[in-house]
Amino acid sequence: MTARPRALLVLAWASLVANIGIVLTGGIVRLTGSGLGCPTWPRCTDESFVPHGELGVHGVIEFGNRLLTFVVAAVAILTFLAAWRHGRRELLLLALVIGLGVPAQAVIGGITVLTDLNPWIVALHLLVSLAMVSAAVLLIRWVLDGPGPRAGVVHRGFRALAWAIFAAGWGVLYIGTIVTGSGPHAGDADAPRNGLDPRAWSQFHVDLVFLMLGLTIAAVILLHVLHAPARVRRPAYALLGVELAQGVVGFAQYYLGLPIALVALHLLGAALTAAAITWLVVAMRAPAEVATQAKSGSMATATNSSDR
């Protein structure tokens, strides 16, 4: 295998951290009622790009979140340049997709402000950020794996199960945005809600969470039975841990009346969920040489176990 491009790997990790960070700061904007702290876009006010004293702390919070976009953009540009220098086509295309996500998010964020925080646009804004988190995880995995053909390292039955977890995970994330759009944290006292029943949609959200959790437990058991390589077991264990933590935080925030700190923590968990489900599915394929070694090791382990 060829040497890993260290600078690109560092930047890929920076992209992941930056995109998770902006998910969290965007949530803080909404949770503190600062969504219209800058009442227009792309300027903060009709006369200025920066907030003034009359906008108070809400203007500072919203403007700070907008400034963080430039950090994400800078990381994306550096990542693209590093991928371009490295020369691998798939890395370059993926870095380009992540980079194009930044101006796309800026436009969606502007539409969010101009529509007075329409909950469906707010939901789209979050989902695109979560997709960028997933793309950053994929970039990290591809950089770590190196160039060349890839092959599966687990049985096709497990691959189907992992993709079912991935689909259920995105269902959980999407329904979570609907629950949020029906709840009290609108981002501004006068912002509209989606008009749906928060209790009914919260129950649907919980049902999907239990489905995802059950599938993940089944995956962990199956990986043990199959003596799967560590590159697949680790993300499955991590995903299970994230799900359990999210469940505790989710139930706590619901029964405590949605305190801001717990909702923010739950939002961070959503970003980690997007990262973990992506890590699981991308770990199932590896460079052909690694895949062959992993399968040989799994068969040897299974043979030794059966001989005991």
Protein backbone atom coordinates (compact mmCIF):
# COMPACT_ATOMS: atom_id res chain seq x y z
CA MET A 1 0.00 0.00 0.00
CA THR A 2 1.15 3.55 -0.73
CA ALA A 3 1.90 6.07 1.99
CA ARG A 4 -1.07 8.02 3.27
CA PRO A 5 -1.16 11.74 2.37
CA ARG A 6 -0.76 13.10 5.89
CA ALA A 7 -1.83 16.67 5.13
CA LEU A 8 -5.00 15.51 3.39
CA LEU A 9 -5.84 13.17 6.25
CA VAL A 10 -5.45 15.97 8.79
CA LEU A 11 -7.64 18.25 6.68
CA ALA A 12 -10.26 15.53 6.25
CA TRP A 13 -10.46 15.20 10.04
CA ALA A 14 -10.61 19.01 10.31
CA SER A 15 -13.51 19.00 7.85
CA LEU A 16 -15.37 16.47 9.99
CA VAL A 17 -14.80 18.48 13.18
CA ALA A 18 -15.74 21.78 11.50
CA ASN A 19 -18.99 20.40 10.09
CA ILE A 20 -19.97 18.84 13.40
CA GLY A 21 -19.09 22.16 15.05
CA ILE A 22 -21.34 24.19 12.79
CA VAL A 23 -24.20 21.77 13.44
CA LEU A 24 -23.78 22.49 17.14
CA THR A 25 -23.43 26.28 16.79
CA GLY A 26 -26.41 26.38 14.44
CA GLY A 27 -28.39 24.59 17.11
CA ILE A 28 -27.26 27.10 19.73
CA VAL A 29 -28.54 29.90 17.46
CA ARG A 30 -31.96 28.25 17.40
CA LEU A 31 -32.03 27.26 21.07
CA THR A 32 -31.17 30.77 22.28
CA GLY A 33 -33.83 32.38 20.07
CA SER A 34 -31.16 34.05 17.95
CA GLY A 35 -32.27 32.78 14.55
CA LEU A 36 -33.23 36.29 13.46
CA GLY A 37 -30.47 38.00 15.43
CA CYS A 38 -29.35 39.20 12.00
CA PRO A 39 -32.77 39.90 10.43
CA THR A 40 -31.63 39.85 6.81
CA TRP A 41 -29.11 38.14 4.49
CA PRO A 42 -26.38 38.33 3.25
CA ARG A 43 -26.02 41.48 5.37
CA CYS A 44 -26.76 41.35 9.08
CA THR A 45 -28.97 44.44 8.71
CA ASP A 46 -30.00 46.48 5.70
CA GLU A 47 -27.14 48.89 6.41
CA SER A 48 -24.36 46.64 7.72
CA PHE A 49 -22.74 43.22 7.40
CA VAL A 50 -22.03 43.19 11.16
CA PRO A 51 -24.47 43.45 14.07
CA HIS A 52 -24.87 46.67 16.02
CA GLY A 53 -25.79 47.34 19.62
CA GLU A 54 -29.56 47.34 19.09
CA LEU A 55 -29.50 43.68 18.05
CA GLY A 56 -28.04 42.68 21.42
CA VAL A 57 -26.66 39.25 22.26
CA HIS A 58 -28.88 37.53 19.69
CA GLY A 59 -27.17 39.45 16.91
CA VAL A 60 -23.76 38.47 18.23
CA ILE A 61 -24.70 34.77 18.41
CA GLU A 62 -26.16 34.67 14.90
CA PHE A 63 -23.26 36.67 13.44
CA GLY A 64 -20.79 34.34 15.18
CA ASN A 65 -22.43 31.36 13.52
CA ARG A 66 -22.15 33.09 10.15
CA LEU A 67 -18.47 33.74 10.76
CA LEU A 68 -17.91 30.05 11.49
CA THR A 69 -19.05 29.36 7.93
CA PHE A 70 -15.83 31.02 6.75
CA VAL A 71 -13.84 28.59 8.90
CA VAL A 72 -15.67 25.65 7.32
CA ALA A 73 -15.10 27.18 3.87
CA ALA A 74 -11.37 27.66 4.53
CA VAL A 75 -11.01 24.04 5.63
CA ALA A 76 -12.96 22.88 2.57
CA ILE A 77 -10.76 24.87 0.20
CA LEU A 78 -7.56 23.57 1.79
CA THR A 79 -8.93 20.02 1.64
CA PHE A 80 -9.72 20.40 -2.05
CA LEU A 81 -6.24 21.77 -2.77
CA ALA A 82 -4.62 18.91 -0.85
CA ALA A 83 -6.73 16.37 -2.75
CA TRP A 84 -5.83 18.05 -6.04
CA ARG A 85 -2.14 17.87 -5.15
CA HIS A 86 -2.47 14.21 -4.20
CA GLY A 87 -4.07 13.39 -7.55
CA ARG A 88 -6.56 10.63 -6.65
CA ARG A 89 -9.70 11.33 -8.67
CA GLU A 90 -12.20 9.96 -6.14
CA LEU A 91 -10.67 12.06 -3.34
CA LEU A 92 -10.71 15.16 -5.50
CA LEU A 93 -14.39 14.69 -6.44
CA LEU A 94 -15.41 14.04 -2.84
CA ALA A 95 -13.47 17.08 -1.60
CA LEU A 96 -15.22 19.12 -4.31
CA VAL A 97 -18.63 17.91 -3.15
CA ILE A 98 -17.81 18.88 0.44
CA GLY A 99 -16.55 22.27 -0.75
CA LEU A 100 -19.66 22.96 -2.82
CA GLY A 101 -21.75 22.14 0.24
CA VAL A 102 -20.48 25.30 1.95
CA PRO A 103 -21.96 27.88 -0.49
CA ALA A 104 -25.06 25.70 -0.81
CA GLN A 105 -25.48 25.89 2.96
CA ALA A 106 -24.92 29.64 2.91
CA VAL A 107 -27.75 30.03 0.40
CA ILE A 108 -30.06 27.72 2.36
CA GLY A 109 -29.20 29.64 5.52
CA GLY A 110 -30.06 32.89 3.75
CA ILE A 111 -33.40 31.48 2.61
CA THR A 112 -34.02 30.37 6.21
CA VAL A 113 -33.62 33.94 7.43
CA LEU A 114 -35.59 35.50 4.56
CA THR A 115 -38.50 33.10 5.22
CA ASP A 116 -38.51 34.00 8.93
CA LEU A 117 -37.17 30.57 9.96
CA ASN A 118 -39.59 28.39 8.04
CA PRO A 119 -39.28 25.06 9.89
CA TRP A 120 -39.01 23.00 6.71
CA ILE A 121 -36.11 25.11 5.43
CA VAL A 122 -34.48 24.94 8.86
CA ALA A 123 -34.78 21.14 8.69
CA LEU A 124 -33.19 21.08 5.24
CA HIS A 125 -30.37 23.28 6.55
CA LEU A 126 -29.59 20.75 9.28
CA LEU A 127 -29.89 17.70 7.02
CA VAL A 128 -27.42 19.12 4.50
CA SER A 129 -24.95 19.74 7.33
CA LEU A 130 -25.37 16.13 8.47
CA ALA A 131 -24.80 14.95 4.90
CA MET A 132 -21.54 16.93 4.87
CA VAL A 133 -20.54 15.19 8.10
CA SER A 134 -21.13 11.86 6.36
CA ALA A 135 -19.10 12.96 3.35
CA ALA A 136 -16.20 13.92 5.62
CA VAL A 137 -16.24 10.46 7.21
CA LEU A 138 -16.17 8.87 3.76
CA LEU A 139 -13.21 11.06 2.81
CA ILE A 140 -11.29 10.00 5.92
CA ARG A 141 -11.92 6.32 5.20
CA TRP A 142 -10.83 6.61 1.57
CA VAL A 143 -7.65 8.47 2.52
CA LEU A 144 -6.82 5.83 5.13
CA ASP A 145 -7.47 2.95 2.73
CA GLY A 146 -5.33 4.28 -0.08
CA PRO A 147 -5.82 3.81 -3.83
CA GLY A 148 -6.64 0.66 -5.76
CA PRO A 149 -9.57 -1.75 -6.14
CA ARG A 150 -11.74 -2.49 -3.12
CA ALA A 151 -13.53 -5.64 -2.03
CA GLY A 152 -16.01 -6.60 0.66
CA VAL A 153 -14.66 -7.76 4.01
CA VAL A 154 -17.93 -9.15 5.43
CA HIS A 155 -20.69 -11.49 4.30
CA ARG A 156 -23.29 -10.01 1.96
CA GLY A 157 -25.99 -10.68 4.57
CA PHE A 158 -24.27 -8.34 6.97
CA ARG A 159 -23.87 -5.74 4.24
CA ALA A 160 -27.65 -5.75 3.75
CA LEU A 161 -28.14 -5.35 7.50
CA ALA A 162 -25.67 -2.46 7.65
CA TRP A 163 -27.44 -0.64 4.83
CA ALA A 164 -30.74 -1.17 6.65
CA ILE A 165 -29.18 0.48 9.71
CA PHE A 166 -27.98 3.33 7.51
CA ALA A 167 -31.48 3.85 6.09
CA ALA A 168 -33.10 3.64 9.53
CA GLY A 169 -30.53 6.11 10.87
CA TRP A 170 -31.35 8.71 8.26
CA GLY A 171 -35.03 8.10 8.92
CA VAL A 172 -34.40 8.83 12.61
CA LEU A 173 -32.52 12.01 11.74
CA TYR A 174 -35.19 13.24 9.32
CA ILE A 175 -38.11 12.55 11.65
CA GLY A 176 -36.10 14.25 14.38
CA THR A 177 -36.13 17.46 12.34
CA ILE A 178 -39.92 17.19 12.03
CA VAL A 179 -40.24 16.79 15.79
CA THR A 180 -38.04 19.84 16.25
CA GLY A 181 -40.14 21.82 13.78
CA SER A 182 -43.24 21.10 15.84
CA GLY A 183 -41.65 21.94 19.20
CA PRO A 184 -40.92 25.08 21.18
CA HIS A 185 -37.35 25.87 20.06
CA ALA A 186 -38.14 27.78 16.87
CA GLY A 187 -35.14 30.10 16.84
CA ASP A 188 -37.28 33.20 17.39
CA ALA A 189 -40.38 33.96 19.44
CA ASP A 190 -42.38 34.81 16.31
CA ALA A 191 -41.04 32.03 14.05
CA PRO A 192 -43.67 29.67 12.58
CA ARG A 193 -43.91 25.98 13.51
CA ASN A 194 -44.89 23.18 11.14
CA GLY A 195 -48.26 22.64 12.82
CA LEU A 196 -47.82 18.91 13.39
CA ASP A 197 -48.55 17.10 16.67
CA PRO A 198 -45.24 16.94 18.57
CA ARG A 199 -46.38 13.99 20.71
CA ALA A 200 -47.37 11.83 17.75
CA TRP A 201 -44.21 12.59 15.80
CA SER A 202 -42.06 12.10 18.91
CA GLN A 203 -43.58 8.62 19.26
CA PHE A 204 -42.83 7.87 15.60
CA HIS A 205 -39.28 9.11 16.16
CA VAL A 206 -38.91 6.79 19.16
CA ASP A 207 -40.28 3.84 17.17
CA LEU A 208 -37.62 4.38 14.49
CA VAL A 209 -34.94 4.71 17.17
CA PHE A 210 -35.92 1.31 18.60
CA LEU A 211 -35.85 -0.19 15.10
CA MET A 212 -32.37 1.21 14.52
CA LEU A 213 -31.20 0.04 17.95
CA GLY A 214 -32.53 -3.48 17.36
CA LEU A 215 -30.80 -3.69 13.98
CA THR A 216 -27.55 -2.45 15.49
CA ILE A 217 -27.65 -5.02 18.30
CA ALA A 218 -28.27 -7.71 15.68
CA ALA A 219 -25.30 -6.40 13.70
CA VAL A 220 -22.99 -6.53 16.73
CA ILE A 221 -24.05 -10.12 17.45
CA LEU A 222 -23.64 -11.14 13.80
CA LEU A 223 -20.17 -9.59 13.63
CA HIS A 224 -19.17 -11.67 16.65
CA VAL A 225 -20.56 -14.85 15.07
CA LEU A 226 -18.83 -14.13 11.77
CA HIS A 227 -15.53 -13.25 13.49
CA ALA A 228 -15.53 -10.05 11.43
CA PRO A 229 -12.39 -7.90 11.22
CA ALA A 230 -11.85 -5.07 13.67
CA ARG A 231 -12.33 -2.41 10.97
CA VAL A 232 -16.04 -3.35 10.91
CA ARG A 233 -16.53 -4.26 14.57
CA ARG A 234 -15.21 -0.93 15.84
CA PRO A 235 -17.75 1.28 14.02
CA ALA A 236 -20.58 -1.08 15.01
CA TYR A 237 -19.61 -0.83 18.69
CA ALA A 238 -19.22 2.95 18.37
CA LEU A 239 -22.64 3.26 16.74
CA LEU A 240 -24.25 1.22 19.49
CA GLY A 241 -22.64 3.47 22.10
CA VAL A 242 -23.86 6.61 20.35
CA GLU A 243 -27.38 5.20 20.10
CA LEU A 244 -27.53 4.31 23.79
CA ALA A 245 -26.22 7.75 24.79
CA GLN A 246 -28.68 9.44 22.43
CA GLY A 247 -31.51 7.42 23.90
CA VAL A 248 -30.68 8.51 27.45
CA VAL A 249 -30.36 12.17 26.43
CA GLY A 250 -33.50 12.02 24.28
CA PHE A 251 -35.71 10.59 27.01
CA ALA A 252 -34.23 12.98 29.58
CA GLN A 253 -34.85 16.07 27.44
CA TYR A 254 -38.41 14.97 26.70
CA TYR A 255 -39.39 14.37 30.32
CA LEU A 256 -37.55 17.45 31.62
CA GLY A 257 -39.32 19.81 29.22
CA LEU A 258 -36.60 20.23 26.59
CA PRO A 259 -33.91 22.14 28.53
CA ILE A 260 -31.52 23.93 26.18
CA ALA A 261 -28.37 22.14 27.36
CA LEU A 262 -29.82 18.67 26.79
CA VAL A 263 -31.29 19.61 23.41
CA ALA A 264 -27.88 20.91 22.32
CA LEU A 265 -26.27 17.68 23.51
CA HIS A 266 -28.89 15.69 21.59
CA LEU A 267 -28.10 17.70 18.47
CA LEU A 268 -24.42 16.87 18.87
CA GLY A 269 -25.48 13.25 19.16
CA ALA A 270 -27.36 13.55 15.86
CA ALA A 271 -24.16 14.64 14.14
CA LEU A 272 -22.27 11.75 15.73
CA THR A 273 -25.03 9.38 14.60
CA ALA A 274 -24.63 10.56 11.00
CA ALA A 275 -20.89 10.00 11.31
CA ALA A 276 -21.22 6.56 12.93
CA ILE A 277 -23.72 5.06 10.45
CA THR A 278 -21.51 6.26 7.60
CA TRP A 279 -18.38 4.83 9.24
CA LEU A 280 -20.13 1.47 9.51
CA VAL A 281 -21.13 1.17 5.84
CA VAL A 282 -17.85 2.50 4.42
CA ALA A 283 -15.84 0.09 6.59
CA MET A 284 -17.41 -2.91 4.83
CA ARG A 285 -15.17 -2.47 1.77
CA ALA A 286 -11.39 -2.32 1.90
CA PRO A 287 -8.46 -2.45 -0.48
CA ALA A 288 -8.40 -5.90 -2.12
CA GLU A 289 -5.26 -6.98 -0.28
CA VAL A 290 -6.68 -5.95 3.09
CA ALA A 291 -10.02 -7.62 2.31
CA THR A 292 -8.29 -10.90 1.45
CA GLN A 293 -6.26 -10.84 4.67
CA ALA A 294 -9.38 -9.98 6.70
CA LYS A 295 -11.37 -12.88 5.24
CA SER A 296 -8.48 -15.29 5.81
CA GLY A 297 -8.18 -14.14 9.40
CA SER A 298 -11.92 -14.52 9.98
CA MET A 299 -11.92 -18.05 8.55
CA ALA A 300 -8.93 -19.03 10.67
CA THR A 301 -10.58 -17.67 13.80
CA ALA A 302 -13.81 -19.49 13.01
CA THR A 303 -11.91 -22.75 12.41
CA ASN A 304 -10.02 -22.42 15.70
CA SER A 305 -13.24 -21.72 17.55
CA SER A 306 -14.95 -24.78 16.07
CA ASP A 307 -12.00 -27.02 16.99
CA ARG A 308 -12.15 -26.18 20.67
